[in-house]
Amino acid sequence: MLEPAFNEDQRDALQEIANLAMGQAATRLARLLDAFIELSVPRVRMVAVGDAAAALREMTGIDDTVSAVRQGFRSDIKGEALVICRSDSIAQLCSLVNDPYARSSYETISQRELMLDVANLLAGACVSSILDQLGRTPVFSAPGLLGEALSFDEVFQPGALHWDCALLVEVNFALENRSFRAHLVMLMAEESIRHMNEALDALLASL
């Protein structure tokens, strides 16, 4: 069994700053889609890399295939942000957005562009806000579409990562009165977890 990543005070602080960050992201998403956004409470979990796909499946509650976008971020705290949703749900977003996305017959490229835009918005707002509150300014890579009909084992490929364990920070965004739900997952390895511990301690000491 893995040791806890944070003590109780650190976990409470991380969840609080994540709450603030998710609120900012939800506001931006609501403007893009002109819809009310419902937020979950952020969840924090330390997992072995080999168990990450199962953990994501449990956290999201998705058994079907998913569409996923990945965007890297780095400072001394670095990692990846994943935005995940059910493969069959992106067309719902297209119906809410003005041109060039909303069309009587949705084109695949439109759905991809919208997924990338939504992922970039969520990841940028959430990660930037969290790290800003910890005194860091992240640099982002361009978002990339992992795929549109993936299993969680394909989303999270432990063989491609030289990590033993990972920190997952998950929150989900839902559209009011619709079934669409997007999950944002921040993923960090051991070294970044240590840096986040130090940053959280510094934040708590300053209060």
N, C-alpha and C. Protein backbone atom coordinates (compact mmCIF):
# COMPACT_ATOMS: atom_id res chain seq x y z
N MET A 1 0.85 -1.19 0.00
CA MET A 1 0.00 0.00 0.00
C MET A 1 0.88 1.24 0.00
N LEU A 2 0.54 2.26 -0.79
CA LEU A 2 1.34 3.46 -0.90
C LEU A 2 1.17 4.33 0.34
N GLU A 3 2.25 5.03 0.69
CA GLU A 3 2.17 6.00 1.76
C GLU A 3 1.33 7.19 1.28
N PRO A 4 0.57 7.85 2.20
CA PRO A 4 -0.19 9.03 1.79
C PRO A 4 0.74 10.10 1.22
N ALA A 5 0.28 10.79 0.18
CA ALA A 5 1.09 11.84 -0.43
C ALA A 5 1.18 13.07 0.46
N PHE A 6 0.11 13.34 1.22
CA PHE A 6 0.03 14.55 2.01
C PHE A 6 -0.50 14.25 3.40
N ASN A 7 -0.14 15.12 4.35
CA ASN A 7 -0.78 15.02 5.66
C ASN A 7 -2.15 15.71 5.56
N GLU A 8 -2.91 15.68 6.63
CA GLU A 8 -4.29 16.18 6.58
C GLU A 8 -4.35 17.66 6.23
N ASP A 9 -3.45 18.47 6.81
CA ASP A 9 -3.45 19.91 6.54
C ASP A 9 -3.09 20.19 5.08
N GLN A 10 -2.11 19.46 4.55
CA GLN A 10 -1.71 19.64 3.17
C GLN A 10 -2.83 19.25 2.22
N ARG A 11 -3.49 18.14 2.50
CA ARG A 11 -4.59 17.69 1.63
C ARG A 11 -5.73 18.70 1.64
N ASP A 12 -6.07 19.21 2.84
CA ASP A 12 -7.15 20.21 2.93
C ASP A 12 -6.78 21.46 2.13
N ALA A 13 -5.51 21.88 2.24
CA ALA A 13 -5.07 23.07 1.51
C ALA A 13 -5.14 22.84 0.01
N LEU A 14 -4.69 21.66 -0.46
CA LEU A 14 -4.71 21.35 -1.88
C LEU A 14 -6.15 21.31 -2.40
N GLN A 15 -7.05 20.71 -1.65
CA GLN A 15 -8.43 20.65 -2.10
C GLN A 15 -9.06 22.04 -2.15
N GLU A 16 -8.67 22.91 -1.20
CA GLU A 16 -9.22 24.26 -1.20
C GLU A 16 -8.73 25.07 -2.40
N ILE A 17 -7.44 25.00 -2.69
CA ILE A 17 -6.94 25.76 -3.84
C ILE A 17 -7.44 25.15 -5.15
N ALA A 18 -7.64 23.84 -5.15
CA ALA A 18 -8.23 23.20 -6.34
C ALA A 18 -9.67 23.65 -6.54
N ASN A 19 -10.42 23.81 -5.45
CA ASN A 19 -11.79 24.31 -5.54
C ASN A 19 -11.83 25.69 -6.19
N LEU A 20 -10.94 26.58 -5.75
CA LEU A 20 -10.88 27.93 -6.31
C LEU A 20 -10.53 27.87 -7.80
N ALA A 21 -9.57 27.02 -8.14
CA ALA A 21 -9.14 26.90 -9.53
C ALA A 21 -10.26 26.37 -10.41
N MET A 22 -10.96 25.36 -9.94
CA MET A 22 -12.04 24.77 -10.73
C MET A 22 -13.17 25.77 -10.93
N GLY A 23 -13.41 26.62 -9.92
CA GLY A 23 -14.44 27.64 -10.06
C GLY A 23 -14.12 28.60 -11.19
N GLN A 24 -12.84 29.00 -11.29
CA GLN A 24 -12.43 29.89 -12.37
C GLN A 24 -12.60 29.21 -13.73
N ALA A 25 -12.23 27.94 -13.80
CA ALA A 25 -12.37 27.21 -15.06
C ALA A 25 -13.83 27.05 -15.44
N ALA A 26 -14.69 26.78 -14.46
CA ALA A 26 -16.11 26.61 -14.74
C ALA A 26 -16.72 27.91 -15.27
N THR A 27 -16.28 29.04 -14.73
CA THR A 27 -16.78 30.33 -15.21
C THR A 27 -16.43 30.53 -16.68
N ARG A 28 -15.20 30.20 -17.05
CA ARG A 28 -14.78 30.36 -18.45
C ARG A 28 -15.55 29.39 -19.36
N LEU A 29 -15.75 28.16 -18.89
CA LEU A 29 -16.48 27.19 -19.70
C LEU A 29 -17.93 27.61 -19.87
N ALA A 30 -18.53 28.16 -18.82
CA ALA A 30 -19.91 28.62 -18.90
C ALA A 30 -20.05 29.72 -19.95
N ARG A 31 -19.05 30.62 -20.04
CA ARG A 31 -19.09 31.68 -21.06
C ARG A 31 -18.98 31.09 -22.46
N LEU A 32 -18.10 30.10 -22.63
CA LEU A 32 -17.92 29.49 -23.95
C LEU A 32 -19.19 28.80 -24.41
N LEU A 33 -19.84 28.08 -23.50
CA LEU A 33 -20.98 27.25 -23.87
C LEU A 33 -22.33 27.91 -23.59
N ASP A 34 -22.30 29.06 -22.89
CA ASP A 34 -23.54 29.73 -22.49
C ASP A 34 -24.45 28.75 -21.76
N ALA A 35 -23.89 28.06 -20.79
CA ALA A 35 -24.63 27.06 -20.02
C ALA A 35 -24.13 27.05 -18.58
N PHE A 36 -25.00 26.66 -17.66
CA PHE A 36 -24.60 26.58 -16.26
C PHE A 36 -23.76 25.32 -16.05
N ILE A 37 -22.65 25.48 -15.35
CA ILE A 37 -21.72 24.37 -15.12
C ILE A 37 -21.80 23.91 -13.67
N GLU A 38 -21.97 22.62 -13.48
CA GLU A 38 -21.95 22.02 -12.15
C GLU A 38 -20.58 21.39 -11.90
N LEU A 39 -20.06 21.59 -10.68
CA LEU A 39 -18.72 21.11 -10.34
C LEU A 39 -18.79 20.05 -9.26
N SER A 40 -17.89 19.08 -9.34
CA SER A 40 -17.73 18.12 -8.25
C SER A 40 -16.70 18.65 -7.26
N VAL A 41 -16.61 18.00 -6.12
CA VAL A 41 -15.55 18.28 -5.16
C VAL A 41 -14.26 17.63 -5.67
N PRO A 42 -13.14 18.35 -5.69
CA PRO A 42 -11.88 17.74 -6.15
C PRO A 42 -11.52 16.52 -5.30
N ARG A 43 -10.99 15.50 -5.97
CA ARG A 43 -10.54 14.30 -5.27
C ARG A 43 -9.05 14.10 -5.51
N VAL A 44 -8.35 13.72 -4.46
CA VAL A 44 -6.90 13.55 -4.51
C VAL A 44 -6.58 12.10 -4.14
N ARG A 45 -5.78 11.45 -5.00
CA ARG A 45 -5.45 10.05 -4.73
C ARG A 45 -4.03 9.74 -5.19
N MET A 46 -3.31 9.02 -4.35
CA MET A 46 -1.98 8.54 -4.69
C MET A 46 -2.12 7.10 -5.15
N VAL A 47 -1.58 6.78 -6.33
CA VAL A 47 -1.74 5.42 -6.87
C VAL A 47 -0.41 4.92 -7.43
N ALA A 48 -0.25 3.61 -7.44
CA ALA A 48 0.85 3.01 -8.19
C ALA A 48 0.55 3.17 -9.67
N VAL A 49 1.58 3.39 -10.46
CA VAL A 49 1.39 3.65 -11.89
C VAL A 49 0.58 2.54 -12.55
N GLY A 50 0.85 1.30 -12.17
CA GLY A 50 0.13 0.18 -12.77
C GLY A 50 -1.34 0.16 -12.44
N ASP A 51 -1.75 0.89 -11.39
CA ASP A 51 -3.16 0.92 -10.98
C ASP A 51 -3.88 2.18 -11.45
N ALA A 52 -3.18 3.04 -12.18
CA ALA A 52 -3.75 4.34 -12.53
C ALA A 52 -4.97 4.22 -13.43
N ALA A 53 -4.93 3.33 -14.41
CA ALA A 53 -6.08 3.19 -15.32
C ALA A 53 -7.33 2.77 -14.56
N ALA A 54 -7.18 1.80 -13.65
CA ALA A 54 -8.31 1.35 -12.86
C ALA A 54 -8.81 2.47 -11.94
N ALA A 55 -7.87 3.25 -11.39
CA ALA A 55 -8.25 4.36 -10.52
C ALA A 55 -9.03 5.42 -11.29
N LEU A 56 -8.58 5.73 -12.52
CA LEU A 56 -9.30 6.70 -13.34
C LEU A 56 -10.70 6.18 -13.70
N ARG A 57 -10.79 4.90 -13.99
CA ARG A 57 -12.10 4.32 -14.32
C ARG A 57 -13.05 4.44 -13.12
N GLU A 58 -12.53 4.18 -11.93
CA GLU A 58 -13.35 4.28 -10.73
C GLU A 58 -13.72 5.74 -10.43
N MET A 59 -12.75 6.65 -10.57
CA MET A 59 -13.00 8.05 -10.24
C MET A 59 -14.01 8.69 -11.19
N THR A 60 -13.95 8.33 -12.46
CA THR A 60 -14.83 8.93 -13.45
C THR A 60 -16.17 8.22 -13.57
N GLY A 61 -16.20 6.94 -13.19
CA GLY A 61 -17.42 6.16 -13.33
C GLY A 61 -17.75 5.80 -14.76
N ILE A 62 -16.74 5.86 -15.65
CA ILE A 62 -16.95 5.57 -17.07
C ILE A 62 -16.43 4.17 -17.40
N ASP A 63 -17.31 3.34 -17.95
CA ASP A 63 -16.91 2.00 -18.40
C ASP A 63 -16.79 1.93 -19.93
N ASP A 64 -17.33 2.93 -20.62
CA ASP A 64 -17.30 2.95 -22.08
C ASP A 64 -15.97 3.53 -22.56
N THR A 65 -15.85 3.65 -23.88
CA THR A 65 -14.67 4.30 -24.42
C THR A 65 -14.75 5.80 -24.20
N VAL A 66 -13.61 6.45 -24.25
CA VAL A 66 -13.54 7.88 -23.96
C VAL A 66 -12.76 8.61 -25.05
N SER A 67 -13.02 9.91 -25.14
CA SER A 67 -12.15 10.82 -25.87
C SER A 67 -11.27 11.51 -24.84
N ALA A 68 -10.01 11.71 -25.17
CA ALA A 68 -9.08 12.26 -24.18
C ALA A 68 -8.09 13.21 -24.83
N VAL A 69 -7.83 14.31 -24.13
CA VAL A 69 -6.83 15.28 -24.54
C VAL A 69 -5.79 15.38 -23.44
N ARG A 70 -4.54 15.45 -23.82
CA ARG A 70 -3.45 15.54 -22.84
C ARG A 70 -2.68 16.83 -23.08
N GLN A 71 -2.33 17.52 -21.98
CA GLN A 71 -1.54 18.74 -22.08
C GLN A 71 -0.51 18.75 -20.95
N GLY A 72 0.77 18.85 -21.30
CA GLY A 72 1.82 18.88 -20.31
C GLY A 72 2.00 20.27 -19.72
N PHE A 73 2.45 20.32 -18.46
CA PHE A 73 2.78 21.60 -17.82
C PHE A 73 4.05 21.39 -17.02
N ARG A 74 4.80 22.48 -16.83
CA ARG A 74 6.03 22.33 -16.08
C ARG A 74 6.42 23.63 -15.37
N SER A 75 6.90 23.47 -14.17
CA SER A 75 7.68 24.43 -13.40
C SER A 75 8.57 23.48 -12.60
N ASP A 76 8.86 23.75 -11.32
CA ASP A 76 9.46 22.68 -10.54
C ASP A 76 8.41 21.62 -10.20
N ILE A 77 7.13 22.03 -10.25
CA ILE A 77 6.01 21.10 -10.18
C ILE A 77 5.54 20.87 -11.61
N LYS A 78 5.71 19.66 -12.11
CA LYS A 78 5.36 19.40 -13.50
C LYS A 78 4.52 18.13 -13.59
N GLY A 79 3.85 18.00 -14.69
CA GLY A 79 3.01 16.83 -14.89
C GLY A 79 2.18 16.97 -16.15
N GLU A 80 1.05 16.30 -16.15
CA GLU A 80 0.14 16.34 -17.29
C GLU A 80 -1.27 16.57 -16.82
N ALA A 81 -2.02 17.30 -17.62
CA ALA A 81 -3.45 17.45 -17.39
C ALA A 81 -4.18 16.65 -18.46
N LEU A 82 -5.10 15.81 -18.04
CA LEU A 82 -5.92 15.02 -18.96
C LEU A 82 -7.36 15.50 -18.86
N VAL A 83 -7.99 15.73 -20.00
CA VAL A 83 -9.42 16.02 -20.03
C VAL A 83 -10.09 14.86 -20.75
N ILE A 84 -11.04 14.24 -20.05
CA ILE A 84 -11.63 12.97 -20.50
C ILE A 84 -13.15 13.10 -20.52
N CYS A 85 -13.79 12.59 -21.56
CA CYS A 85 -15.24 12.50 -21.59
C CYS A 85 -15.65 11.29 -22.42
N ARG A 86 -16.89 10.90 -22.28
CA ARG A 86 -17.38 9.76 -23.06
C ARG A 86 -17.30 10.06 -24.55
N SER A 87 -16.96 9.06 -25.32
CA SER A 87 -16.76 9.26 -26.77
C SER A 87 -18.00 9.78 -27.47
N ASP A 88 -19.17 9.37 -26.99
CA ASP A 88 -20.40 9.70 -27.71
C ASP A 88 -21.04 11.01 -27.25
N SER A 89 -20.35 11.80 -26.41
CA SER A 89 -21.01 12.95 -25.81
C SER A 89 -20.57 14.30 -26.38
N ILE A 90 -19.54 14.32 -27.23
CA ILE A 90 -18.99 15.60 -27.67
C ILE A 90 -19.97 16.35 -28.58
N ALA A 91 -20.79 15.62 -29.32
CA ALA A 91 -21.76 16.29 -30.20
C ALA A 91 -22.70 17.19 -29.40
N GLN A 92 -22.94 16.85 -28.12
CA GLN A 92 -23.78 17.71 -27.29
C GLN A 92 -23.17 19.09 -27.15
N LEU A 93 -21.85 19.15 -27.05
CA LEU A 93 -21.19 20.44 -26.94
C LEU A 93 -21.34 21.24 -28.22
N CYS A 94 -21.22 20.57 -29.34
CA CYS A 94 -21.30 21.26 -30.62
C CYS A 94 -22.64 21.98 -30.76
N SER A 95 -23.69 21.42 -30.20
CA SER A 95 -25.02 22.03 -30.33
C SER A 95 -25.15 23.29 -29.48
N LEU A 96 -24.21 23.51 -28.56
CA LEU A 96 -24.30 24.67 -27.67
C LEU A 96 -23.46 25.85 -28.12
N VAL A 97 -22.57 25.62 -29.08
CA VAL A 97 -21.60 26.64 -29.44
C VAL A 97 -21.93 27.24 -30.79
N ASN A 98 -21.69 28.51 -30.94
CA ASN A 98 -21.91 29.17 -32.22
C ASN A 98 -20.88 28.72 -33.23
N ASP A 99 -21.03 29.11 -34.49
CA ASP A 99 -20.06 28.78 -35.54
C ASP A 99 -18.66 29.08 -35.05
N PRO A 100 -17.64 28.28 -35.44
CA PRO A 100 -17.69 27.31 -36.54
C PRO A 100 -18.10 25.90 -36.12
N TYR A 101 -18.54 25.73 -34.84
CA TYR A 101 -18.80 24.37 -34.38
C TYR A 101 -20.24 23.91 -34.65
N ALA A 102 -21.21 24.77 -34.39
CA ALA A 102 -22.60 24.34 -34.48
C ALA A 102 -23.02 24.23 -35.94
N ARG A 103 -23.40 23.03 -36.34
CA ARG A 103 -23.78 22.78 -37.72
C ARG A 103 -24.90 21.74 -37.74
N SER A 104 -25.67 21.74 -38.79
CA SER A 104 -26.76 20.77 -38.87
C SER A 104 -26.21 19.35 -38.98
N SER A 105 -25.04 19.22 -39.58
CA SER A 105 -24.39 17.91 -39.67
C SER A 105 -22.96 18.08 -39.16
N TYR A 106 -22.69 17.54 -37.98
CA TYR A 106 -21.41 17.78 -37.34
C TYR A 106 -20.28 17.07 -38.08
N GLU A 107 -19.20 17.78 -38.29
CA GLU A 107 -18.04 17.19 -38.92
C GLU A 107 -17.06 16.76 -37.84
N THR A 108 -16.33 15.69 -38.12
CA THR A 108 -15.37 15.18 -37.13
C THR A 108 -14.37 16.25 -36.74
N ILE A 109 -13.91 17.03 -37.69
CA ILE A 109 -12.90 18.05 -37.38
C ILE A 109 -13.47 19.07 -36.41
N SER A 110 -14.76 19.41 -36.52
CA SER A 110 -15.38 20.36 -35.61
C SER A 110 -15.36 19.82 -34.19
N GLN A 111 -15.70 18.56 -34.01
CA GLN A 111 -15.71 17.96 -32.69
C GLN A 111 -14.30 17.92 -32.10
N ARG A 112 -13.31 17.61 -32.93
CA ARG A 112 -11.94 17.59 -32.44
C ARG A 112 -11.49 18.97 -32.00
N GLU A 113 -11.81 19.97 -32.82
CA GLU A 113 -11.42 21.34 -32.48
C GLU A 113 -12.07 21.79 -31.18
N LEU A 114 -13.34 21.46 -31.01
CA LEU A 114 -14.03 21.86 -29.79
C LEU A 114 -13.47 21.13 -28.58
N MET A 115 -13.19 19.85 -28.72
CA MET A 115 -12.61 19.10 -27.61
C MET A 115 -11.27 19.70 -27.20
N LEU A 116 -10.46 20.06 -28.17
CA LEU A 116 -9.16 20.68 -27.87
C LEU A 116 -9.35 22.04 -27.21
N ASP A 117 -10.32 22.82 -27.67
CA ASP A 117 -10.58 24.12 -27.08
C ASP A 117 -11.03 23.99 -25.64
N VAL A 118 -11.98 23.08 -25.40
CA VAL A 118 -12.49 22.88 -24.03
C VAL A 118 -11.38 22.38 -23.12
N ALA A 119 -10.59 21.42 -23.60
CA ALA A 119 -9.50 20.88 -22.80
C ALA A 119 -8.46 21.95 -22.48
N ASN A 120 -8.12 22.75 -23.48
CA ASN A 120 -7.14 23.81 -23.28
C ASN A 120 -7.65 24.82 -22.26
N LEU A 121 -8.92 25.15 -22.35
CA LEU A 121 -9.52 26.09 -21.40
C LEU A 121 -9.49 25.53 -19.98
N LEU A 122 -9.97 24.29 -19.81
CA LEU A 122 -10.03 23.70 -18.48
C LEU A 122 -8.64 23.50 -17.88
N ALA A 123 -7.75 22.91 -18.66
CA ALA A 123 -6.41 22.62 -18.15
C ALA A 123 -5.67 23.92 -17.84
N GLY A 124 -5.75 24.87 -18.77
CA GLY A 124 -5.03 26.12 -18.56
C GLY A 124 -5.51 26.86 -17.34
N ALA A 125 -6.83 26.99 -17.20
CA ALA A 125 -7.38 27.73 -16.07
C ALA A 125 -7.11 27.02 -14.75
N CYS A 126 -7.33 25.72 -14.70
CA CYS A 126 -7.19 24.98 -13.45
C CYS A 126 -5.74 24.88 -13.00
N VAL A 127 -4.89 24.42 -13.90
CA VAL A 127 -3.48 24.22 -13.53
C VAL A 127 -2.82 25.55 -13.21
N SER A 128 -3.07 26.57 -14.03
CA SER A 128 -2.47 27.88 -13.78
C SER A 128 -2.90 28.43 -12.43
N SER A 129 -4.18 28.30 -12.10
CA SER A 129 -4.67 28.82 -10.84
C SER A 129 -4.09 28.07 -9.64
N ILE A 130 -4.03 26.75 -9.74
CA ILE A 130 -3.47 25.97 -8.63
C ILE A 130 -2.01 26.32 -8.40
N LEU A 131 -1.22 26.34 -9.47
CA LEU A 131 0.21 26.61 -9.31
C LEU A 131 0.46 28.07 -8.96
N ASP A 132 -0.38 28.97 -9.45
CA ASP A 132 -0.23 30.38 -9.08
C ASP A 132 -0.40 30.56 -7.57
N GLN A 133 -1.38 29.86 -7.00
CA GLN A 133 -1.60 29.95 -5.56
C GLN A 133 -0.43 29.34 -4.77
N LEU A 134 0.36 28.50 -5.44
CA LEU A 134 1.55 27.91 -4.81
C LEU A 134 2.82 28.66 -5.19
N GLY A 135 2.66 29.82 -5.83
CA GLY A 135 3.81 30.66 -6.16
C GLY A 135 4.59 30.20 -7.38
N ARG A 136 3.95 29.46 -8.26
CA ARG A 136 4.60 28.97 -9.49
C ARG A 136 3.88 29.50 -10.71
N THR A 137 4.63 29.62 -11.80
CA THR A 137 4.06 29.99 -13.09
C THR A 137 4.37 28.88 -14.09
N PRO A 138 3.39 28.07 -14.46
CA PRO A 138 3.67 26.93 -15.33
C PRO A 138 3.85 27.33 -16.79
N VAL A 139 4.61 26.52 -17.50
CA VAL A 139 4.71 26.60 -18.96
C VAL A 139 3.98 25.39 -19.52
N PHE A 140 3.14 25.62 -20.52
CA PHE A 140 2.31 24.55 -21.07
C PHE A 140 2.81 24.12 -22.45
N SER A 141 2.69 22.83 -22.72
CA SER A 141 2.85 22.35 -24.08
C SER A 141 1.51 22.49 -24.79
N ALA A 142 1.49 22.35 -26.10
CA ALA A 142 0.23 22.41 -26.83
C ALA A 142 -0.62 21.18 -26.49
N PRO A 143 -1.94 21.34 -26.37
CA PRO A 143 -2.78 20.17 -26.11
C PRO A 143 -2.77 19.22 -27.29
N GLY A 144 -2.84 17.93 -27.00
CA GLY A 144 -2.85 16.92 -28.05
C GLY A 144 -3.96 15.92 -27.82
N LEU A 145 -4.67 15.57 -28.88
CA LEU A 145 -5.74 14.59 -28.79
C LEU A 145 -5.14 13.19 -28.71
N LEU A 146 -5.38 12.49 -27.62
CA LEU A 146 -4.90 11.11 -27.48
C LEU A 146 -5.70 10.15 -28.35
N GLY A 147 -6.99 10.42 -28.48
CA GLY A 147 -7.85 9.55 -29.27
C GLY A 147 -9.30 9.80 -28.96
N GLU A 148 -10.19 9.20 -29.76
CA GLU A 148 -11.63 9.46 -29.63
C GLU A 148 -12.44 8.23 -29.25
N ALA A 149 -11.81 7.09 -29.14
CA ALA A 149 -12.52 5.88 -28.72
C ALA A 149 -11.52 4.98 -28.00
N LEU A 150 -11.06 5.46 -26.85
CA LEU A 150 -9.99 4.80 -26.12
C LEU A 150 -10.51 4.13 -24.86
N SER A 151 -9.85 3.06 -24.46
CA SER A 151 -10.06 2.52 -23.13
C SER A 151 -9.16 3.28 -22.16
N PHE A 152 -9.40 3.15 -20.87
CA PHE A 152 -8.54 3.83 -19.90
C PHE A 152 -7.12 3.27 -19.91
N ASP A 153 -6.97 2.01 -20.27
CA ASP A 153 -5.63 1.45 -20.39
C ASP A 153 -4.85 2.12 -21.52
N GLU A 154 -5.57 2.57 -22.55
CA GLU A 154 -4.91 3.29 -23.65
C GLU A 154 -4.66 4.75 -23.30
N VAL A 155 -5.53 5.33 -22.47
CA VAL A 155 -5.33 6.72 -22.03
C VAL A 155 -4.09 6.81 -21.16
N PHE A 156 -3.99 5.89 -20.21
CA PHE A 156 -2.87 5.92 -19.27
C PHE A 156 -1.99 4.72 -19.57
N GLN A 157 -0.84 4.97 -20.12
CA GLN A 157 0.06 3.90 -20.55
C GLN A 157 1.27 3.84 -19.62
N PRO A 158 1.21 3.00 -18.58
CA PRO A 158 2.30 2.97 -17.61
C PRO A 158 3.64 2.60 -18.22
N GLY A 159 3.64 1.83 -19.32
CA GLY A 159 4.90 1.46 -19.93
C GLY A 159 5.65 2.64 -20.52
N ALA A 160 4.92 3.75 -20.77
CA ALA A 160 5.56 4.93 -21.34
C ALA A 160 6.09 5.89 -20.28
N LEU A 161 5.81 5.58 -19.01
CA LEU A 161 6.22 6.46 -17.92
C LEU A 161 7.23 5.75 -17.03
N HIS A 162 8.29 6.45 -16.67
CA HIS A 162 9.30 5.87 -15.79
C HIS A 162 9.02 6.29 -14.35
N TRP A 163 7.80 6.01 -13.91
CA TRP A 163 7.38 6.40 -12.57
C TRP A 163 7.01 5.14 -11.79
N ASP A 164 7.09 5.22 -10.48
CA ASP A 164 6.59 4.14 -9.63
C ASP A 164 5.18 4.44 -9.14
N CYS A 165 4.95 5.71 -8.84
CA CYS A 165 3.63 6.10 -8.34
C CYS A 165 3.26 7.45 -8.92
N ALA A 166 2.01 7.82 -8.79
CA ALA A 166 1.52 9.07 -9.36
C ALA A 166 0.44 9.66 -8.47
N LEU A 167 0.35 10.98 -8.50
CA LEU A 167 -0.70 11.69 -7.79
C LEU A 167 -1.78 12.06 -8.80
N LEU A 168 -3.02 11.70 -8.51
CA LEU A 168 -4.16 12.07 -9.35
C LEU A 168 -5.00 13.08 -8.60
N VAL A 169 -5.26 14.21 -9.24
CA VAL A 169 -6.20 15.20 -8.71
C VAL A 169 -7.33 15.30 -9.73
N GLU A 170 -8.54 14.89 -9.35
CA GLU A 170 -9.65 14.79 -10.32
C GLU A 170 -10.81 15.69 -9.91
N VAL A 171 -11.38 16.35 -10.91
CA VAL A 171 -12.63 17.10 -10.73
C VAL A 171 -13.44 16.92 -12.00
N ASN A 172 -14.76 16.96 -11.88
CA ASN A 172 -15.55 16.85 -13.10
C ASN A 172 -16.53 18.01 -13.23
N PHE A 173 -16.80 18.35 -14.49
CA PHE A 173 -17.65 19.46 -14.86
C PHE A 173 -18.84 18.89 -15.62
N ALA A 174 -20.05 19.26 -15.21
CA ALA A 174 -21.25 18.78 -15.88
C ALA A 174 -22.07 19.96 -16.38
N LEU A 175 -22.79 19.75 -17.47
CA LEU A 175 -23.71 20.75 -17.99
C LEU A 175 -25.08 20.51 -17.36
N GLU A 176 -25.65 21.55 -16.82
CA GLU A 176 -26.96 21.43 -16.17
C GLU A 176 -28.01 20.91 -17.16
N ASN A 177 -28.77 19.92 -16.70
CA ASN A 177 -29.87 19.33 -17.49
C ASN A 177 -29.40 18.59 -18.73
N ARG A 178 -28.12 18.23 -18.78
CA ARG A 178 -27.60 17.44 -19.89
C ARG A 178 -26.72 16.34 -19.33
N SER A 179 -26.49 15.31 -20.13
CA SER A 179 -25.70 14.18 -19.65
C SER A 179 -24.20 14.38 -19.82
N PHE A 180 -23.79 15.45 -20.53
CA PHE A 180 -22.36 15.65 -20.77
C PHE A 180 -21.62 15.91 -19.46
N ARG A 181 -20.46 15.25 -19.34
CA ARG A 181 -19.59 15.47 -18.18
C ARG A 181 -18.15 15.33 -18.65
N ALA A 182 -17.33 16.30 -18.28
CA ALA A 182 -15.90 16.25 -18.59
C ALA A 182 -15.12 16.11 -17.30
N HIS A 183 -14.09 15.27 -17.33
CA HIS A 183 -13.25 15.04 -16.16
C HIS A 183 -11.86 15.61 -16.42
N LEU A 184 -11.41 16.46 -15.51
CA LEU A 184 -10.05 16.98 -15.58
C LEU A 184 -9.22 16.25 -14.53
N VAL A 185 -8.12 15.66 -14.96
CA VAL A 185 -7.22 14.93 -14.06
C VAL A 185 -5.83 15.52 -14.18
N MET A 186 -5.29 16.00 -13.06
CA MET A 186 -3.88 16.40 -13.01
C MET A 186 -3.06 15.20 -12.56
N LEU A 187 -2.01 14.93 -13.25
CA LEU A 187 -1.19 13.75 -13.02
C LEU A 187 0.25 14.18 -12.78
N MET A 188 0.82 13.79 -11.64
CA MET A 188 2.18 14.19 -11.30
C MET A 188 2.96 13.01 -10.74
N ALA A 189 4.27 13.01 -10.98
CA ALA A 189 5.14 11.93 -10.50
C ALA A 189 5.79 12.32 -9.18
N GLU A 190 6.65 11.40 -8.67
CA GLU A 190 7.18 11.51 -7.32
C GLU A 190 7.91 12.82 -7.05
N GLU A 191 8.79 13.24 -7.95
CA GLU A 191 9.57 14.45 -7.71
C GLU A 191 8.67 15.67 -7.58
N SER A 192 7.68 15.76 -8.43
CA SER A 192 6.77 16.90 -8.38
C SER A 192 5.90 16.85 -7.13
N ILE A 193 5.57 15.66 -6.67
CA ILE A 193 4.79 15.53 -5.44
C ILE A 193 5.59 16.10 -4.26
N ARG A 194 6.90 15.82 -4.23
CA ARG A 194 7.74 16.38 -3.16
C ARG A 194 7.76 17.91 -3.24
N HIS A 195 7.88 18.45 -4.45
CA HIS A 195 7.87 19.91 -4.59
C HIS A 195 6.52 20.49 -4.18
N MET A 196 5.43 19.79 -4.48
CA MET A 196 4.12 20.27 -4.08
C MET A 196 3.96 20.24 -2.57
N ASN A 197 4.50 19.21 -1.93
CA ASN A 197 4.49 19.16 -0.46
C ASN A 197 5.16 20.41 0.11
N GLU A 198 6.33 20.74 -0.43
CA GLU A 198 7.07 21.91 0.06
C GLU A 198 6.28 23.19 -0.19
N ALA A 199 5.66 23.30 -1.35
CA ALA A 199 4.88 24.49 -1.66
C ALA A 199 3.66 24.62 -0.76
N LEU A 200 3.00 23.51 -0.46
CA LEU A 200 1.85 23.54 0.43
C LEU A 200 2.27 23.92 1.84
N ASP A 201 3.40 23.40 2.30
CA ASP A 201 3.91 23.78 3.63
C ASP A 201 4.19 25.29 3.69
N ALA A 202 4.80 25.83 2.62
CA ALA A 202 5.09 27.26 2.58
C ALA A 202 3.80 28.08 2.60
N LEU A 203 2.78 27.60 1.85
CA LEU A 203 1.49 28.29 1.84
C LEU A 203 0.85 28.28 3.22
N LEU A 204 0.86 27.13 3.87
CA LEU A 204 0.26 27.01 5.21
C LEU A 204 1.00 27.88 6.22
N ALA A 205 2.33 27.95 6.10
CA ALA A 205 3.13 28.76 7.03
C ALA A 205 2.87 30.25 6.87
N SER A 206 2.41 30.65 5.67
CA SER A 206 2.18 32.08 5.40
C SER A 206 0.82 32.56 5.87
N LEU A 207 -0.06 31.62 6.25
CA LEU A 207 -1.43 31.99 6.63
C LEU A 207 -1.47 32.56 8.05
